[in-house]
C-alpha atoms as a PDB file:
ATOM      1  CA  MET A   1      10.183  11.044  12.963  1.00  0.00           C
ATOM      2  CA  LYS A   2       7.190  13.255  13.767  1.00  0.00           C
ATOM      3  CA  LEU A   3       5.246  13.214  10.525  1.00  0.00           C
ATOM      4  CA  LYS A   4       2.476  15.632  11.446  1.00  0.00           C
ATOM      5  CA  LEU A   5       3.297  18.895   9.657  1.00  0.00           C
ATOM      6  CA  THR A   6       1.645  22.298   9.862  1.00  0.00           C
ATOM      7  CA  PRO A   7       0.163  23.826   6.694  1.00  0.00           C
ATOM      8  CA  THR A   8       3.209  26.121   6.407  1.00  0.00           C
ATOM      9  CA  GLN A   9       5.580  23.183   6.751  1.00  0.00           C
ATOM     10  CA  ASN A  10       3.624  21.237   4.127  1.00  0.00           C
ATOM     11  CA  LEU A  11       3.883  24.239   1.815  1.00  0.00           C
ATOM     12  CA  CYS A  12       7.665  24.296   2.259  1.00  0.00           C
ATOM     13  CA  VAL A  13       7.882  20.577   1.471  1.00  0.00           C
ATOM     14  CA  GLY A  14       5.741  21.193  -1.615  1.00  0.00           C
ATOM     15  CA  TYR A  15       8.143  23.868  -2.815  1.00  0.00           C
ATOM     16  CA  LEU A  16      11.068  21.455  -2.524  1.00  0.00           C
ATOM     17  CA  GLU A  17       9.143  18.621  -4.182  1.00  0.00           C
ATOM     18  CA  SER A  18       8.234  20.869  -7.117  1.00  0.00           C
ATOM     19  CA  GLY A  19      11.819  21.825  -7.907  1.00  0.00           C
ATOM     20  CA  PHE A  20      12.383  25.000  -5.904  1.00  0.00           C
ATOM     21  CA  LYS A  21      15.873  25.468  -4.488  1.00  0.00           C
ATOM     22  CA  LEU A  22      16.430  26.793  -0.991  1.00  0.00           C
ATOM     23  CA  ILE A  23      19.007  29.557  -0.730  1.00  0.00           C
ATOM     24  CA  GLN A  24      20.234  31.875   1.988  1.00  0.00           C
ATOM     25  CA  LEU A  25      20.851  35.574   1.359  1.00  0.00           C
ATOM     26  CA  ASP A  26      22.391  37.257   4.383  1.00  0.00           C
ATOM     27  CA  GLU A  27      20.226  36.066   7.303  1.00  0.00           C
ATOM     28  CA  GLN A  28      17.115  35.284   5.217  1.00  0.00           C
ATOM     29  CA  PHE A  29      16.138  32.049   3.444  1.00  0.00           C
ATOM     30  CA  TYR A  30      14.204  31.846   0.153  1.00  0.00           C
ATOM     31  CA  PHE A  31      12.766  29.193  -2.108  1.00  0.00           C
ATOM     32  CA  ILE A  32      13.662  30.118  -5.685  1.00  0.00           C
ATOM     33  CA  LYS A  33      12.743  28.758  -9.092  1.00  0.00           C
ATOM     34  CA  GLY A  34      13.497  30.872 -12.132  1.00  0.00           C
ATOM     35  CA  GLU A  35      12.290  34.389 -11.333  1.00  0.00           C
ATOM     36  CA  ARG A  36      10.007  33.270  -8.507  1.00  0.00           C
ATOM     37  CA  ARG A  37      11.121  33.777  -4.914  1.00  0.00           C
ATOM     38  CA  GLN A  38       9.318  32.910  -1.673  1.00  0.00           C
ATOM     39  CA  LYS A  39      10.638  33.851   1.773  1.00  0.00           C
ATOM     40  CA  VAL A  40      10.794  31.154   4.479  1.00  0.00           C
ATOM     41  CA  LEU A  41      11.522  31.666   8.161  1.00  0.00           C
ATOM     42  CA  PRO A  42      14.535  29.922   9.723  1.00  0.00           C
ATOM     43  CA  LYS A  43      12.288  28.610  12.523  1.00  0.00           C
ATOM     44  CA  THR A  44      10.155  26.808   9.916  1.00  0.00           C
ATOM     45  CA  LEU A  45      13.261  25.125   8.511  1.00  0.00           C
ATOM     46  CA  ASP A  46      14.387  24.181  12.026  1.00  0.00           C
ATOM     47  CA  ALA A  47      10.971  22.638  12.742  1.00  0.00           C
ATOM     48  CA  LEU A  48      11.173  20.577   9.535  1.00  0.00           C
ATOM     49  CA  VAL A  49      14.638  19.340  10.517  1.00  0.00           C
ATOM     50  CA  ASN A  50      13.395  18.462  14.015  1.00  0.00           C
ATOM     51  CA  ARG A  51      10.469  16.516  12.525  1.00  0.00           C
ATOM     52  CA  GLY A  52      12.791  14.589  10.224  1.00  0.00           C
ATOM     53  CA  ALA A  53      11.421  15.991   6.965  1.00  0.00           C
ATOM     54  CA  LEU A  54      14.560  17.997   6.123  1.00  0.00           C
ATOM     55  CA  GLU A  55      18.196  17.285   6.659  1.00  0.00           C
ATOM     56  CA  HIS A  56      21.098  19.683   6.625  1.00  0.00           C
ATOM     57  CA  THR A  57      23.696  18.396   4.155  1.00  0.00           C
ATOM     58  CA  GLU A  58      27.466  18.515   4.591  1.00  0.00           C
ATOM     59  CA  GLN A  59      27.528  21.315   1.993  1.00  0.00           C
ATOM     60  CA  GLY A  60      25.339  23.447   4.289  1.00  0.00           C
ATOM     61  CA  GLU A  61      22.211  22.999   2.188  1.00  0.00           C
ATOM     62  CA  TYR A  62      18.780  21.725   3.159  1.00  0.00           C
ATOM     63  CA  ALA A  63      17.223  18.726   1.406  1.00  0.00           C
ATOM     64  CA  LEU A  64      14.262  16.455   1.967  1.00  0.00           C
ATOM     65  CA  SER A  65      15.379  13.464   4.012  1.00  0.00           C
ATOM     66  CA  ASP A  66      15.375  10.029   2.381  1.00  0.00           C
ATOM     67  CA  GLU A  67      13.124   8.761   5.171  1.00  0.00           C
ATOM     68  CA  PHE A  68      10.594  11.532   4.539  1.00  0.00           C
ATOM     69  CA  ILE A  69      10.638  10.964   0.762  1.00  0.00           C
ATOM     70  CA  GLU A  70       9.931   7.268   1.375  1.00  0.00           C
ATOM     71  CA  HIS A  71       7.100   8.166   3.744  1.00  0.00           C
ATOM     72  CA  ARG A  72       5.533  10.469   1.120  1.00  0.00           C
ATOM     73  CA  LYS A  73       5.719   7.682  -1.493  1.00  0.00           C
ATOM     74  CA  LYS A  74       3.943   5.269   0.858  1.00  0.00           C
ATOM     75  CA  MET A  75       1.244   7.832   1.667  1.00  0.00           C
ATOM     76  CA  ARG A  76       0.639   8.527  -2.042  1.00  0.00           C
ATOM     77  CA  GLN A  77       0.409   4.801  -2.813  1.00  0.00           C
ATOM     78  CA  LYS A  78      -1.994   4.339   0.094  1.00  0.00           C
ATOM     79  CA  GLY A  79      -4.134   7.228  -1.169  1.00  0.00           C
ATOM     80  CA  GLU A  80      -4.178   5.859  -4.719  1.00  0.00           C
ATOM     81  CA  ALA A  81      -5.144   2.392  -3.445  1.00  0.00           C
ATOM     82  CA  GLU A  82      -8.023   3.876  -1.452  1.00  0.00           C
ATOM     83  CA  LEU A  83      -9.256   5.757  -4.520  1.00  0.00           C
ATOM     84  CA  THR A  84      -9.268   2.650  -6.709  1.00  0.00           C
ATOM     85  CA  CYS A  85     -11.100   0.552  -4.087  1.00  0.00           C
ATOM     86  CA  HIS A  86     -14.207   2.766  -4.115  1.00  0.00           C
END
C-alpha cells in the first residue's frame, strides 16, 4: 500500500471518515451528507484505490479499506503518544 496521499486525496478520505456517502450521478461522482454535495473526479477515486486507501465493494460502492483504516488508527495513536511525551 502506498500511504503517501496528496492533499486532495486526504480531503476525500476526510469526507468518508466524517460520514459523507459517495454516490454516482450519470458520469460524475459526489460526496453527499444531508444537503451538502462535493464533486470528486473519477481519477482521484482511481488513485485512492491504487494506493490501497479505497476499495470497490461488490455492490459497486467505494469504501475505505480495512487496511487503510487500521493504518489511520496507528498513525493517530502514534501522534497522541508523541503529544503526551512532550
